[in-house]
């Protein structure tokens, strides 16, 4: 039985440093997931990154969010509501 795919968007706020973006992509790469879009904006000492996938296995949502939160320098991780993305 295959797991259903759901749209997902993660918003990460972290201390800005040169290796941050590659470290934020690691949780996706190790699960063989390729984000559909990545957008990052630096605001002084802080970086805000949005990573979105059009279809991601539902069971991986919280695992990836947890991995993102463990990246050194990450201040917050927010997962945008899957239901809100589906309705958009």
PDB file of N, CA and C in Angstrom:
ATOM      1  N   UNK A   1       0.847  -1.181   0.000  1.00  0.00           N
ATOM      2  CA  UNK A   1       0.000   0.000   0.000  1.00  0.00           C
ATOM      3  C   UNK A   1       0.890   1.241   0.000  1.00  0.00           C
ATOM      4  N   UNK A   2       0.667   2.148  -0.942  1.00  0.00           N
ATOM      5  CA  UNK A   2       1.493   3.355  -1.016  1.00  0.00           C
ATOM      6  C   UNK A   2       0.898   4.476  -0.174  1.00  0.00           C
ATOM      7  N   UNK A   3       1.787   5.265   0.364  1.00  0.00           N
ATOM      8  CA  UNK A   3       1.382   6.372   1.218  1.00  0.00           C
ATOM      9  C   UNK A   3       0.939   7.555   0.351  1.00  0.00           C
ATOM     10  N   UNK A   4      -0.076   8.274   0.811  1.00  0.00           N
ATOM     11  CA  UNK A   4      -0.571   9.409   0.028  1.00  0.00           C
ATOM     12  C   UNK A   4       0.424  10.565   0.060  1.00  0.00           C
ATOM     13  N   UNK A   5       0.470  11.274  -1.063  1.00  0.00           N
ATOM     14  CA  UNK A   5       1.333  12.445  -1.183  1.00  0.00           C
ATOM     15  C   UNK A   5       0.515  13.692  -0.891  1.00  0.00           C
ATOM     16  N   UNK A   6       1.111  14.601  -0.138  1.00  0.00           N
ATOM     17  CA  UNK A   6       0.431  15.844   0.222  1.00  0.00           C
ATOM     18  C   UNK A   6       1.358  17.020  -0.062  1.00  0.00           C
ATOM     19  N   UNK A   7       0.796  18.182  -0.387  1.00  0.00           N
ATOM     20  CA  UNK A   7       1.644  19.369  -0.545  1.00  0.00           C
ATOM     21  C   UNK A   7       2.209  19.771   0.817  1.00  0.00           C
ATOM     22  N   UNK A   8       3.426  20.281   0.815  1.00  0.00           N
ATOM     23  CA  UNK A   8       4.071  20.664   2.074  1.00  0.00           C
ATOM     24  C   UNK A   8       4.918  21.907   1.867  1.00  0.00           C
ATOM     25  N   UNK A   9       4.914  22.755   2.884  1.00  0.00           N
ATOM     26  CA  UNK A   9       5.777  23.941   2.884  1.00  0.00           C
ATOM     27  C   UNK A   9       6.331  24.122   4.286  1.00  0.00           C
ATOM     28  N   UNK A  10       7.639  24.293   4.344  1.00  0.00           N
ATOM     29  CA  UNK A  10       8.327  24.500   5.613  1.00  0.00           C
ATOM     30  C   UNK A  10       8.925  25.896   5.606  1.00  0.00           C
ATOM     31  N   UNK A  11       8.704  26.639   6.684  1.00  0.00           N
ATOM     32  CA  UNK A  11       9.273  27.973   6.829  1.00  0.00           C
ATOM     33  C   UNK A  11      10.249  27.908   7.999  1.00  0.00           C
ATOM     34  N   UNK A  12      11.514  28.214   7.699  1.00  0.00           N
ATOM     35  CA  UNK A  12      12.574  28.098   8.692  1.00  0.00           C
ATOM     36  C   UNK A  12      13.202  29.472   8.915  1.00  0.00           C
ATOM     37  N   UNK A  13      13.379  29.831  10.169  1.00  0.00           N
ATOM     38  CA  UNK A  13      14.091  31.057  10.539  1.00  0.00           C
ATOM     39  C   UNK A  13      15.333  30.608  11.296  1.00  0.00           C
ATOM     40  N   UNK A  14      16.497  31.086  10.842  1.00  0.00           N
ATOM     41  CA  UNK A  14      17.755  30.633  11.436  1.00  0.00           C
ATOM     42  C   UNK A  14      18.806  31.728  11.387  1.00  0.00           C
ATOM     43  N   UNK A  15      19.856  31.526  12.171  1.00  0.00           N
ATOM     44  CA  UNK A  15      21.009  32.417  12.100  1.00  0.00           C
ATOM     45  C   UNK A  15      21.624  32.272  10.714  1.00  0.00           C
ATOM     46  N   UNK A  16      21.946  33.378  10.067  1.00  0.00           N
ATOM     47  CA  UNK A  16      22.532  33.346   8.724  1.00  0.00           C
ATOM     48  C   UNK A  16      24.004  32.974   8.819  1.00  0.00           C
ATOM     49  N   UNK A  17      24.372  31.896   8.133  1.00  0.00           N
ATOM     50  CA  UNK A  17      25.782  31.509   8.020  1.00  0.00           C
ATOM     51  C   UNK A  17      25.961  30.746   6.711  1.00  0.00           C
ATOM     52  N   UNK A  18      27.177  30.703   6.174  1.00  0.00           N
ATOM     53  CA  UNK A  18      27.406  30.172   4.834  1.00  0.00           C
ATOM     54  C   UNK A  18      26.885  28.759   4.569  1.00  0.00           C
ATOM     55  N   UNK A  19      26.928  27.844   5.514  1.00  0.00           N
ATOM     56  CA  UNK A  19      26.505  26.463   5.261  1.00  0.00           C
ATOM     57  C   UNK A  19      25.044  26.172   5.524  1.00  0.00           C
ATOM     58  N   UNK A  20      24.272  27.190   5.885  1.00  0.00           N
ATOM     59  CA  UNK A  20      22.893  26.956   6.308  1.00  0.00           C
ATOM     60  C   UNK A  20      22.023  26.297   5.238  1.00  0.00           C
ATOM     61  N   UNK A  21      22.001  26.845   4.043  1.00  0.00           N
ATOM     62  CA  UNK A  21      21.065  26.347   3.034  1.00  0.00           C
ATOM     63  C   UNK A  21      21.308  24.886   2.683  1.00  0.00           C
ATOM     64  N   UNK A  22      22.560  24.493   2.530  1.00  0.00           N
ATOM     65  CA  UNK A  22      22.830  23.086   2.213  1.00  0.00           C
ATOM     66  C   UNK A  22      22.398  22.175   3.361  1.00  0.00           C
ATOM     67  N   UNK A  23      22.555  22.645   4.586  1.00  0.00           N
ATOM     68  CA  UNK A  23      22.131  21.840   5.740  1.00  0.00           C
ATOM     69  C   UNK A  23      20.618  21.727   5.822  1.00  0.00           C
ATOM     70  N   UNK A  24      19.900  22.754   5.391  1.00  0.00           N
ATOM     71  CA  UNK A  24      18.441  22.692   5.393  1.00  0.00           C
ATOM     72  C   UNK A  24      17.909  21.733   4.335  1.00  0.00           C
ATOM     73  N   UNK A  25      18.661  21.517   3.289  1.00  0.00           N
ATOM     74  CA  UNK A  25      18.219  20.611   2.220  1.00  0.00           C
ATOM     75  C   UNK A  25      18.540  19.146   2.513  1.00  0.00           C
ATOM     76  N   UNK A  26      19.458  18.889   3.433  1.00  0.00           N
ATOM     77  CA  UNK A  26      19.862  17.519   3.758  1.00  0.00           C
ATOM     78  C   UNK A  26      18.710  16.607   4.172  1.00  0.00           C
ATOM     79  N   UNK A  27      17.768  17.035   5.042  1.00  0.00           N
ATOM     80  CA  UNK A  27      16.685  16.130   5.427  1.00  0.00           C
ATOM     81  C   UNK A  27      15.834  15.665   4.234  1.00  0.00           C
ATOM     82  N   UNK A  28      15.749  16.489   3.212  1.00  0.00           N
ATOM     83  CA  UNK A  28      15.002  16.106   2.009  1.00  0.00           C
ATOM     84  C   UNK A  28      15.820  15.131   1.174  1.00  0.00           C
ATOM     85  N   UNK A  29      17.098  15.447   0.979  1.00  0.00           N
ATOM     86  CA  UNK A  29      17.971  14.618   0.147  1.00  0.00           C
ATOM     87  C   UNK A  29      18.105  13.206   0.710  1.00  0.00           C
ATOM     88  N   UNK A  30      18.235  13.076   2.026  1.00  0.00           N
ATOM     89  CA  UNK A  30      18.429  11.742   2.594  1.00  0.00           C
ATOM     90  C   UNK A  30      17.160  10.891   2.507  1.00  0.00           C
ATOM     91  N   UNK A  31      16.029  11.521   2.193  1.00  0.00           N
ATOM     92  CA  UNK A  31      14.771  10.785   1.978  1.00  0.00           C
ATOM     93  C   UNK A  31      14.405  10.721   0.504  1.00  0.00           C
ATOM     94  N   UNK A  32      15.361  11.076  -0.355  1.00  0.00           N
ATOM     95  CA  UNK A  32      15.186  11.044  -1.808  1.00  0.00           C
ATOM     96  C   UNK A  32      14.044  11.958  -2.263  1.00  0.00           C
ATOM     97  N   UNK A  33      13.926  13.124  -1.613  1.00  0.00           N
ATOM     98  CA  UNK A  33      12.909  14.121  -1.962  1.00  0.00           C
ATOM     99  C   UNK A  33      13.598  15.341  -2.565  1.00  0.00           C
ATOM    100  N   UNK A  34      13.030  15.863  -3.630  1.00  0.00           N
ATOM    101  CA  UNK A  34      13.558  17.072  -4.258  1.00  0.00           C
ATOM    102  C   UNK A  34      12.527  18.176  -4.118  1.00  0.00           C
ATOM    103  N   UNK A  35      12.843  19.247  -3.403  1.00  0.00           N
ATOM    104  CA  UNK A  35      11.886  20.347  -3.266  1.00  0.00           C
ATOM    105  C   UNK A  35      11.523  20.949  -4.627  1.00  0.00           C
ATOM    106  N   UNK A  36      10.280  21.400  -4.740  1.00  0.00           N
ATOM    107  CA  UNK A  36       9.829  22.069  -5.963  1.00  0.00           C
ATOM    108  C   UNK A  36      10.231  23.534  -5.959  1.00  0.00           C
ATOM    109  N   UNK A  37      10.377  24.104  -4.772  1.00  0.00           N
ATOM    110  CA  UNK A  37      10.866  25.478  -4.697  1.00  0.00           C
ATOM    111  C   UNK A  37      11.580  25.706  -3.374  1.00  0.00           C
ATOM    112  N   UNK A  38      12.605  26.553  -3.458  1.00  0.00           N
ATOM    113  CA  UNK A  38      13.370  26.964  -2.278  1.00  0.00           C
ATOM    114  C   UNK A  38      13.576  28.464  -2.414  1.00  0.00           C
ATOM    115  N   UNK A  39      13.212  29.173  -1.370  1.00  0.00           N
ATOM    116  CA  UNK A  39      13.388  30.626  -1.386  1.00  0.00           C
ATOM    117  C   UNK A  39      14.004  31.036  -0.056  1.00  0.00           C
ATOM    118  N   UNK A  40      15.077  31.797  -0.125  1.00  0.00           N
ATOM    119  CA  UNK A  40      15.745  32.232   1.096  1.00  0.00           C
ATOM    120  C   UNK A  40      16.007  33.723   1.026  1.00  0.00           C
ATOM    121  N   UNK A  41      15.794  34.389   2.147  1.00  0.00           N
ATOM    122  CA  UNK A  41      16.014  35.819   2.255  1.00  0.00           C
ATOM    123  C   UNK A  41      16.788  36.103   3.533  1.00  0.00           C
ATOM    124  N   UNK A  42      17.876  36.850   3.386  1.00  0.00           N
ATOM    125  CA  UNK A  42      18.649  37.225   4.559  1.00  0.00           C
ATOM    126  C   UNK A  42      18.185  38.594   5.036  1.00  0.00           C
ATOM    127  N   UNK A  43      17.978  38.691   6.340  1.00  0.00           N
ATOM    128  CA  UNK A  43      17.585  39.946   6.967  1.00  0.00           C
ATOM    129  C   UNK A  43      18.561  40.192   8.111  1.00  0.00           C
ATOM    130  N   UNK A  44      19.683  40.824   7.777  1.00  0.00           N
ATOM    131  CA  UNK A  44      20.724  41.045   8.779  1.00  0.00           C
ATOM    132  C   UNK A  44      21.370  39.736   9.186  1.00  0.00           C
ATOM    133  N   UNK A  45      21.284  39.404  10.454  1.00  0.00           N
ATOM    134  CA  UNK A  45      21.894  38.174  10.987  1.00  0.00           C
ATOM    135  C   UNK A  45      20.973  36.966  10.898  1.00  0.00           C
ATOM    136  N   UNK A  46      19.775  37.156  10.328  1.00  0.00           N
ATOM    137  CA  UNK A  46      18.777  36.084  10.277  1.00  0.00           C
ATOM    138  C   UNK A  46      18.452  35.732   8.832  1.00  0.00           C
ATOM    139  N   UNK A  47      18.251  34.434   8.577  1.00  0.00           N
ATOM    140  CA  UNK A  47      17.850  33.949   7.263  1.00  0.00           C
ATOM    141  C   UNK A  47      16.461  33.324   7.397  1.00  0.00           C
ATOM    142  N   UNK A  48      15.596  33.654   6.456  1.00  0.00           N
ATOM    143  CA  UNK A  48      14.262  33.043   6.409  1.00  0.00           C
ATOM    144  C   UNK A  48      14.207  32.210   5.135  1.00  0.00           C
ATOM    145  N   UNK A  49      13.966  30.918   5.271  1.00  0.00           N
ATOM    146  CA  UNK A  49      13.931  30.022   4.119  1.00  0.00           C
ATOM    147  C   UNK A  49      12.581  29.329   4.047  1.00  0.00           C
ATOM    148  N   UNK A  50      12.034  29.260   2.844  1.00  0.00           N
ATOM    149  CA  UNK A  50      10.800  28.523   2.585  1.00  0.00           C
ATOM    150  C   UNK A  50      11.128  27.400   1.616  1.00  0.00           C
ATOM    151  N   UNK A  51      10.788  26.182   2.008  1.00  0.00           N
ATOM    152  CA  UNK A  51      11.046  25.004   1.182  1.00  0.00           C
ATOM    153  C   UNK A  51       9.702  24.337   0.934  1.00  0.00           C
ATOM    154  N   UNK A  52       9.340  24.174  -0.343  1.00  0.00           N
ATOM    155  CA  UNK A  52       8.021  23.644  -0.674  1.00  0.00           C
ATOM    156  C   UNK A  52       8.124  22.434  -1.600  1.00  0.00           C
ATOM    157  N   UNK A  53       7.206  21.503  -1.389  1.00  0.00           N
ATOM    158  CA  UNK A  53       7.073  20.326  -2.240  1.00  0.00           C
ATOM    159  C   UNK A  53       5.609  20.196  -2.633  1.00  0.00           C
ATOM    160  N   UNK A  54       5.366  19.921  -3.905  1.00  0.00           N
ATOM    161  CA  UNK A  54       3.990  19.734  -4.370  1.00  0.00           C
ATOM    162  C   UNK A  54       3.407  18.423  -3.863  1.00  0.00           C
ATOM    163  N   UNK A  55       4.251  17.424  -3.684  1.00  0.00           N
ATOM    164  CA  UNK A  55       3.800  16.134  -3.188  1.00  0.00           C
ATOM    165  C   UNK A  55       4.878  15.482  -2.348  1.00  0.00           C
ATOM    166  N   UNK A  56       4.540  15.221  -1.087  1.00  0.00           N
ATOM    167  CA  UNK A  56       5.491  14.622  -0.143  1.00  0.00           C
ATOM    168  C   UNK A  56       4.750  13.552   0.647  1.00  0.00           C
ATOM    169  N   UNK A  57       5.362  12.388   0.894  1.00  0.00           N
ATOM    170  CA  UNK A  57       4.690  11.373   1.703  1.00  0.00           C
ATOM    171  C   UNK A  57       4.273  11.949   3.058  1.00  0.00           C
ATOM    172  N   UNK A  58       3.020  11.789   3.375  1.00  0.00           N
ATOM    173  CA  UNK A  58       2.461  12.390   4.589  1.00  0.00           C
ATOM    174  C   UNK A  58       3.207  11.974   5.854  1.00  0.00           C
ATOM    175  N   UNK A  59       3.667  10.741   5.902  1.00  0.00           N
ATOM    176  CA  UNK A  59       4.367  10.238   7.078  1.00  0.00           C
ATOM    177  C   UNK A  59       5.727  10.870   7.305  1.00  0.00           C
ATOM    178  N   UNK A  60       6.246  11.554   6.305  1.00  0.00           N
ATOM    179  CA  UNK A  60       7.561  12.182   6.441  1.00  0.00           C
ATOM    180  C   UNK A  60       7.487  13.634   6.913  1.00  0.00           C
ATOM    181  N   UNK A  61       6.314  14.224   6.944  1.00  0.00           N
ATOM    182  CA  UNK A  61       6.181  15.644   7.290  1.00  0.00           C
ATOM    183  C   UNK A  61       6.828  15.982   8.632  1.00  0.00           C
ATOM    184  N   UNK A  62       6.434  15.277   9.665  1.00  0.00           N
ATOM    185  CA  UNK A  62       6.941  15.598  11.004  1.00  0.00           C
ATOM    186  C   UNK A  62       8.401  15.178  11.169  1.00  0.00           C
ATOM    187  N   UNK A  63       8.824  14.121  10.446  1.00  0.00           N
ATOM    188  CA  UNK A  63      10.228  13.710  10.508  1.00  0.00           C
ATOM    189  C   UNK A  63      11.127  14.794   9.936  1.00  0.00           C
ATOM    190  N   UNK A  64      10.755  15.325   8.773  1.00  0.00           N
ATOM    191  CA  UNK A  64      11.546  16.375   8.138  1.00  0.00           C
ATOM    192  C   UNK A  64      11.520  17.647   8.984  1.00  0.00           C
ATOM    193  N   UNK A  65      10.351  18.002   9.503  1.00  0.00           N
ATOM    194  CA  UNK A  65      10.251  19.195  10.354  1.00  0.00           C
ATOM    195  C   UNK A  65      11.167  19.052  11.574  1.00  0.00           C
ATOM    196  N   UNK A  66      11.195  17.872  12.166  1.00  0.00           N
ATOM    197  CA  UNK A  66      12.061  17.631  13.316  1.00  0.00           C
ATOM    198  C   UNK A  66      13.531  17.737  12.954  1.00  0.00           C
ATOM    199  N   UNK A  67      13.902  17.180  11.797  1.00  0.00           N
ATOM    200  CA  UNK A  67      15.299  17.285  11.337  1.00  0.00           C
ATOM    201  C   UNK A  67      15.693  18.726  11.073  1.00  0.00           C
ATOM    202  N   UNK A  68      14.795  19.501  10.494  1.00  0.00           N
ATOM    203  CA  UNK A  68      15.088  20.913  10.235  1.00  0.00           C
ATOM    204  C   UNK A  68      15.331  21.657  11.546  1.00  0.00           C
ATOM    205  N   UNK A  69      14.549  21.336  12.550  1.00  0.00           N
ATOM    206  CA  UNK A  69      14.699  21.977  13.850  1.00  0.00           C
ATOM    207  C   UNK A  69      16.003  21.639  14.550  1.00  0.00           C
ATOM    208  N   UNK A  70      16.645  20.539  14.145  1.00  0.00           N
ATOM    209  CA  UNK A  70      17.910  20.126  14.756  1.00  0.00           C
ATOM    210  C   UNK A  70      19.132  20.754  14.094  1.00  0.00           C
ATOM    211  N   UNK A  71      18.935  21.444  12.976  1.00  0.00           N
ATOM    212  CA  UNK A  71      20.064  22.087  12.301  1.00  0.00           C
ATOM    213  C   UNK A  71      20.589  23.208  13.193  1.00  0.00           C
ATOM    214  N   UNK A  72      21.892  23.250  13.350  1.00  0.00           N
ATOM    215  CA  UNK A  72      22.524  24.260  14.197  1.00  0.00           C
ATOM    216  C   UNK A  72      22.137  25.661  13.721  1.00  0.00           C
ATOM    217  N   UNK A  73      21.701  26.498  14.648  1.00  0.00           N
ATOM    218  CA  UNK A  73      21.350  27.878  14.329  1.00  0.00           C
ATOM    219  C   UNK A  73      19.886  28.104  14.004  1.00  0.00           C
ATOM    220  N   UNK A  74      19.107  27.030  13.844  1.00  0.00           N
ATOM    221  CA  UNK A  74      17.687  27.192  13.523  1.00  0.00           C
ATOM    222  C   UNK A  74      16.946  27.700  14.750  1.00  0.00           C
ATOM    223  N   UNK A  75      16.205  28.777  14.548  1.00  0.00           N
ATOM    224  CA  UNK A  75      15.434  29.383  15.632  1.00  0.00           C
ATOM    225  C   UNK A  75      13.995  28.868  15.659  1.00  0.00           C
ATOM    226  N   UNK A  76      13.420  28.635  14.474  1.00  0.00           N
ATOM    227  CA  UNK A  76      12.048  28.122  14.420  1.00  0.00           C
ATOM    228  C   UNK A  76      11.791  27.420  13.099  1.00  0.00           C
ATOM    229  N   UNK A  77      10.885  26.449  13.148  1.00  0.00           N
ATOM    230  CA  UNK A  77      10.416  25.735  11.963  1.00  0.00           C
ATOM    231  C   UNK A  77       8.908  25.735  12.031  1.00  0.00           C
ATOM    232  N   UNK A  78       8.289  26.160  10.940  1.00  0.00           N
ATOM    233  CA  UNK A  78       6.827  26.154  10.878  1.00  0.00           C
ATOM    234  C   UNK A  78       6.425  25.393   9.624  1.00  0.00           C
ATOM    235  N   UNK A  79       5.504  24.471   9.803  1.00  0.00           N
ATOM    236  CA  UNK A  79       4.965  23.733   8.678  1.00  0.00           C
ATOM    237  C   UNK A  79       3.631  24.374   8.329  1.00  0.00           C
ATOM    238  N   UNK A  80       3.510  24.870   7.105  1.00  0.00           N
ATOM    239  CA  UNK A  80       2.253  25.485   6.695  1.00  0.00           C
ATOM    240  C   UNK A  80       1.224  24.379   6.541  1.00  0.00           C
ATOM    241  N   UNK A  81       0.027  24.640   6.994  1.00  0.00           N
ATOM    242  CA  UNK A  81      -1.043  23.658   6.988  1.00  0.00           C
ATOM    243  C   UNK A  81      -1.221  23.003   5.631  1.00  0.00           C
ATOM    244  N   UNK A  82      -1.196  21.679   5.641  1.00  0.00           N
ATOM    245  CA  UNK A  82      -1.386  20.906   4.428  1.00  0.00           C
ATOM    246  C   UNK A  82      -2.785  21.175   3.864  1.00  0.00           C
ATOM    247  N   UNK A  83      -3.779  21.274   4.726  1.00  0.00           N
ATOM    248  CA  UNK A  83      -5.145  21.546   4.282  1.00  0.00           C
ATOM    249  C   UNK A  83      -5.226  22.904   3.606  1.00  0.00           C
ATOM    250  N   UNK A  84      -4.520  23.897   4.141  1.00  0.00           N
ATOM    251  CA  UNK A  84      -4.531  25.235   3.553  1.00  0.00           C
ATOM    252  C   UNK A  84      -3.891  25.231   2.171  1.00  0.00           C
ATOM    253  N   UNK A  85      -2.832  24.439   2.010  1.00  0.00           N
ATOM    254  CA  UNK A  85      -2.180  24.358   0.710  1.00  0.00           C
ATOM    255  C   UNK A  85      -3.067  23.656  -0.305  1.00  0.00           C
ATOM    256  N   UNK A  86      -3.795  22.630   0.120  1.00  0.00           N
ATOM    257  CA  UNK A  86      -4.657  21.893  -0.767  1.00  0.00           C
ATOM    258  C   UNK A  86      -5.819  22.755  -1.264  1.00  0.00           C
ATOM    259  N   UNK A  87      -6.284  23.656  -0.383  1.00  0.00           N
ATOM    260  CA  UNK A  87      -7.416  24.512  -0.731  1.00  0.00           C
ATOM    261  C   UNK A  87      -7.017  25.655  -1.634  1.00  0.00           C
ATOM    262  N   UNK A  88      -5.729  25.993  -1.648  1.00  0.00           N
ATOM    263  CA  UNK A  88      -5.257  27.154  -2.431  1.00  0.00           C
ATOM    264  C   UNK A  88      -5.298  26.906  -3.926  1.00  0.00           C
TER     265      UNK A  88
END
